[in-house]
Amino acid sequence: MLEAMAYGKAVVGTKIGGISELVTDQKNGLLVEPGDSVALSKAILTLLTTDKILQMQQQAKAFACEMTWPIIADRYLELFKRLSK
């Protein structure tokens, strides 16, 4: 997902795991509930037809370019801290 965003692509993903850490709904992509194929298909169509696509693509690319290895490592550390509580 991060690679697609680095190429300036807004993405559609499910609200699970690391995906929801990368995608901010309506900002750099769209998020749907896992297992909801109807919502997934609607999100894909929305992404293909929205007037905000250029803005979302720019935000996706900007986000991906900010994700350096130190930042990614810090996010993993925070995740591990939350999970260990």
N, C-alpha and C. Protein backbone atom coordinates (compact mmCIF):
# COMPACT_ATOMS: atom_id res chain seq x y z
N MET A 1 0.81 -1.17 0.00
CA MET A 1 0.00 0.00 0.00
C MET A 1 0.87 1.25 0.00
N LEU A 2 1.90 1.22 0.81
CA LEU A 2 2.79 2.38 0.90
C LEU A 2 3.49 2.63 -0.44
N GLU A 3 3.83 1.55 -1.15
CA GLU A 3 4.47 1.73 -2.46
C GLU A 3 3.52 2.40 -3.45
N ALA A 4 2.26 1.98 -3.45
CA ALA A 4 1.27 2.61 -4.34
C ALA A 4 1.12 4.08 -4.00
N MET A 5 1.09 4.38 -2.71
CA MET A 5 0.96 5.77 -2.29
C MET A 5 2.19 6.58 -2.70
N ALA A 6 3.37 5.97 -2.65
CA ALA A 6 4.59 6.65 -3.06
C ALA A 6 4.55 7.03 -4.54
N TYR A 7 3.81 6.26 -5.32
CA TYR A 7 3.65 6.57 -6.74
C TYR A 7 2.47 7.52 -6.99
N GLY A 8 1.90 8.06 -5.90
CA GLY A 8 0.83 9.04 -6.04
C GLY A 8 -0.53 8.43 -6.28
N LYS A 9 -0.74 7.24 -5.78
CA LYS A 9 -2.04 6.58 -5.96
C LYS A 9 -2.82 6.61 -4.65
N ALA A 10 -4.03 7.11 -4.69
CA ALA A 10 -4.93 6.98 -3.55
C ALA A 10 -5.34 5.51 -3.50
N VAL A 11 -5.57 4.98 -2.31
CA VAL A 11 -5.80 3.55 -2.16
C VAL A 11 -7.13 3.27 -1.47
N VAL A 12 -7.58 2.03 -1.61
CA VAL A 12 -8.75 1.53 -0.89
C VAL A 12 -8.28 0.34 -0.08
N GLY A 13 -8.60 0.34 1.21
CA GLY A 13 -8.19 -0.76 2.06
C GLY A 13 -9.21 -1.03 3.14
N THR A 14 -8.96 -2.10 3.89
CA THR A 14 -9.85 -2.46 4.98
C THR A 14 -9.30 -1.95 6.30
N LYS A 15 -10.19 -1.79 7.26
CA LYS A 15 -9.83 -1.25 8.57
C LYS A 15 -9.24 -2.34 9.46
N ILE A 16 -8.10 -2.90 9.02
CA ILE A 16 -7.43 -3.92 9.81
C ILE A 16 -5.93 -3.66 9.81
N GLY A 17 -5.30 -4.14 10.85
CA GLY A 17 -3.84 -4.10 10.94
C GLY A 17 -3.23 -2.78 10.57
N GLY A 18 -2.12 -2.88 9.88
CA GLY A 18 -1.35 -1.71 9.52
C GLY A 18 -1.98 -0.83 8.46
N ILE A 19 -2.97 -1.35 7.76
CA ILE A 19 -3.62 -0.56 6.72
C ILE A 19 -4.23 0.70 7.31
N SER A 20 -4.91 0.56 8.44
CA SER A 20 -5.54 1.73 9.04
C SER A 20 -4.51 2.68 9.66
N GLU A 21 -3.27 2.22 9.78
CA GLU A 21 -2.19 3.10 10.23
C GLU A 21 -1.68 3.96 9.06
N LEU A 22 -1.86 3.47 7.85
CA LEU A 22 -1.36 4.16 6.66
C LEU A 22 -2.41 5.03 5.99
N VAL A 23 -3.63 4.53 5.96
CA VAL A 23 -4.69 5.21 5.20
C VAL A 23 -5.57 6.01 6.15
N THR A 24 -5.69 7.29 5.86
CA THR A 24 -6.63 8.15 6.57
C THR A 24 -7.84 8.30 5.65
N ASP A 25 -8.97 7.77 6.09
CA ASP A 25 -10.17 7.74 5.27
C ASP A 25 -10.53 9.14 4.76
N GLN A 26 -10.79 9.21 3.47
CA GLN A 26 -11.18 10.44 2.77
C GLN A 26 -10.03 11.43 2.60
N LYS A 27 -8.85 11.09 3.08
CA LYS A 27 -7.72 12.01 2.93
C LYS A 27 -6.73 11.49 1.89
N ASN A 28 -6.16 10.30 2.13
CA ASN A 28 -5.21 9.74 1.17
C ASN A 28 -5.70 8.41 0.60
N GLY A 29 -6.94 8.10 0.90
CA GLY A 29 -7.55 6.87 0.42
C GLY A 29 -8.89 6.65 1.08
N LEU A 30 -9.42 5.46 0.93
CA LEU A 30 -10.71 5.12 1.52
C LEU A 30 -10.57 3.83 2.30
N LEU A 31 -11.27 3.74 3.43
CA LEU A 31 -11.26 2.55 4.27
C LEU A 31 -12.66 1.96 4.36
N VAL A 32 -12.72 0.64 4.35
CA VAL A 32 -13.98 -0.07 4.50
C VAL A 32 -13.81 -1.15 5.56
N GLU A 33 -14.92 -1.66 6.04
CA GLU A 33 -14.90 -2.74 7.02
C GLU A 33 -14.44 -4.03 6.33
N PRO A 34 -13.66 -4.84 7.03
CA PRO A 34 -13.23 -6.11 6.45
C PRO A 34 -14.42 -7.03 6.15
N GLY A 35 -14.35 -7.72 5.02
CA GLY A 35 -15.39 -8.66 4.65
C GLY A 35 -16.61 -8.05 3.99
N ASP A 36 -16.65 -6.74 3.85
CA ASP A 36 -17.80 -6.07 3.25
C ASP A 36 -17.51 -5.79 1.78
N SER A 37 -17.82 -6.77 0.94
CA SER A 37 -17.50 -6.66 -0.49
C SER A 37 -18.31 -5.56 -1.17
N VAL A 38 -19.51 -5.30 -0.70
CA VAL A 38 -20.33 -4.23 -1.28
C VAL A 38 -19.67 -2.88 -1.01
N ALA A 39 -19.26 -2.67 0.24
CA ALA A 39 -18.59 -1.41 0.60
C ALA A 39 -17.28 -1.27 -0.16
N LEU A 40 -16.57 -2.37 -0.34
CA LEU A 40 -15.30 -2.33 -1.08
C LEU A 40 -15.54 -1.90 -2.52
N SER A 41 -16.53 -2.49 -3.17
CA SER A 41 -16.80 -2.13 -4.57
C SER A 41 -17.26 -0.68 -4.67
N LYS A 42 -18.07 -0.22 -3.71
CA LYS A 42 -18.52 1.18 -3.72
C LYS A 42 -17.34 2.13 -3.50
N ALA A 43 -16.42 1.75 -2.62
CA ALA A 43 -15.25 2.60 -2.37
C ALA A 43 -14.38 2.70 -3.61
N ILE A 44 -14.20 1.61 -4.31
CA ILE A 44 -13.40 1.64 -5.54
C ILE A 44 -14.05 2.55 -6.57
N LEU A 45 -15.36 2.41 -6.74
CA LEU A 45 -16.07 3.28 -7.69
C LEU A 45 -16.01 4.74 -7.25
N THR A 46 -16.15 4.99 -5.97
CA THR A 46 -16.06 6.36 -5.45
C THR A 46 -14.69 6.94 -5.74
N LEU A 47 -13.66 6.15 -5.51
CA LEU A 47 -12.30 6.63 -5.75
C LEU A 47 -12.09 6.96 -7.23
N LEU A 48 -12.67 6.17 -8.09
CA LEU A 48 -12.51 6.39 -9.53
C LEU A 48 -13.32 7.57 -10.05
N THR A 49 -14.34 7.99 -9.29
CA THR A 49 -15.23 9.05 -9.81
C THR A 49 -15.23 10.33 -8.98
N THR A 50 -14.52 10.37 -7.88
CA THR A 50 -14.58 11.54 -7.02
C THR A 50 -13.81 12.72 -7.61
N ASP A 51 -14.31 13.89 -7.34
CA ASP A 51 -13.62 15.11 -7.76
C ASP A 51 -12.37 15.35 -6.91
N LYS A 52 -12.31 14.71 -5.75
CA LYS A 52 -11.19 14.91 -4.84
C LYS A 52 -10.00 13.98 -5.13
N ILE A 53 -10.04 13.23 -6.23
CA ILE A 53 -9.01 12.24 -6.49
C ILE A 53 -7.62 12.85 -6.57
N LEU A 54 -7.47 13.99 -7.23
CA LEU A 54 -6.14 14.59 -7.35
C LEU A 54 -5.60 15.01 -5.99
N GLN A 55 -6.46 15.57 -5.17
CA GLN A 55 -6.06 15.96 -3.82
C GLN A 55 -5.67 14.72 -3.00
N MET A 56 -6.45 13.66 -3.10
CA MET A 56 -6.15 12.43 -2.37
C MET A 56 -4.84 11.82 -2.84
N GLN A 57 -4.59 11.86 -4.15
CA GLN A 57 -3.34 11.32 -4.69
C GLN A 57 -2.14 12.12 -4.18
N GLN A 58 -2.27 13.43 -4.16
CA GLN A 58 -1.18 14.26 -3.67
C GLN A 58 -0.91 13.99 -2.19
N GLN A 59 -1.97 13.84 -1.41
CA GLN A 59 -1.81 13.56 0.01
C GLN A 59 -1.23 12.17 0.24
N ALA A 60 -1.60 11.22 -0.59
CA ALA A 60 -1.05 9.87 -0.48
C ALA A 60 0.46 9.90 -0.74
N LYS A 61 0.86 10.59 -1.79
CA LYS A 61 2.28 10.66 -2.11
C LYS A 61 3.06 11.39 -1.02
N ALA A 62 2.52 12.50 -0.54
CA ALA A 62 3.20 13.25 0.52
C ALA A 62 3.36 12.40 1.77
N PHE A 63 2.32 11.66 2.15
CA PHE A 63 2.39 10.79 3.32
C PHE A 63 3.47 9.73 3.13
N ALA A 64 3.47 9.07 1.98
CA ALA A 64 4.44 8.00 1.73
C ALA A 64 5.87 8.53 1.75
N CYS A 65 6.07 9.72 1.23
CA CYS A 65 7.42 10.29 1.21
C CYS A 65 7.91 10.66 2.61
N GLU A 66 6.98 10.88 3.53
CA GLU A 66 7.35 11.20 4.91
C GLU A 66 7.72 9.95 5.71
N MET A 67 7.34 8.78 5.21
CA MET A 67 7.56 7.53 5.95
C MET A 67 8.99 7.03 5.77
N THR A 68 9.89 7.58 6.55
CA THR A 68 11.27 7.12 6.55
C THR A 68 11.40 5.94 7.50
N TRP A 69 12.48 5.18 7.41
CA TRP A 69 12.66 4.02 8.28
C TRP A 69 12.64 4.38 9.76
N PRO A 70 13.25 5.46 10.19
CA PRO A 70 13.14 5.80 11.62
C PRO A 70 11.69 6.05 12.07
N ILE A 71 10.91 6.69 11.23
CA ILE A 71 9.51 6.93 11.57
C ILE A 71 8.74 5.62 11.62
N ILE A 72 8.98 4.75 10.66
CA ILE A 72 8.32 3.45 10.64
C ILE A 72 8.70 2.65 11.89
N ALA A 73 9.97 2.66 12.25
CA ALA A 73 10.42 1.95 13.45
C ALA A 73 9.74 2.50 14.69
N ASP A 74 9.63 3.82 14.81
CA ASP A 74 8.95 4.43 15.95
C ASP A 74 7.48 4.00 16.02
N ARG A 75 6.83 3.92 14.87
CA ARG A 75 5.43 3.49 14.85
C ARG A 75 5.28 2.05 15.32
N TYR A 76 6.23 1.19 14.89
CA TYR A 76 6.19 -0.20 15.35
C TYR A 76 6.41 -0.27 16.86
N LEU A 77 7.33 0.51 17.38
CA LEU A 77 7.57 0.51 18.82
C LEU A 77 6.32 0.93 19.58
N GLU A 78 5.64 1.97 19.09
CA GLU A 78 4.40 2.41 19.73
C GLU A 78 3.34 1.33 19.67
N LEU A 79 3.25 0.65 18.54
CA LEU A 79 2.29 -0.43 18.39
C LEU A 79 2.59 -1.55 19.38
N PHE A 80 3.84 -1.94 19.48
CA PHE A 80 4.22 -3.02 20.40
C PHE A 80 3.94 -2.62 21.85
N LYS A 81 4.16 -1.37 22.18
CA LYS A 81 3.87 -0.88 23.54
C LYS A 81 2.36 -0.99 23.83
N ARG A 82 1.53 -0.59 22.86
CA ARG A 82 0.09 -0.66 23.05
C ARG A 82 -0.38 -2.11 23.20
N LEU A 83 0.20 -3.00 22.39
CA LEU A 83 -0.21 -4.40 22.42
C LEU A 83 0.24 -5.11 23.67
N SER A 84 1.32 -4.66 24.29
CA SER A 84 1.84 -5.34 25.46
C SER A 84 1.14 -4.94 26.76
N LYS A 85 0.25 -3.97 26.69
CA LYS A 85 -0.46 -3.51 27.90
C LYS A 85 -1.60 -4.42 28.25
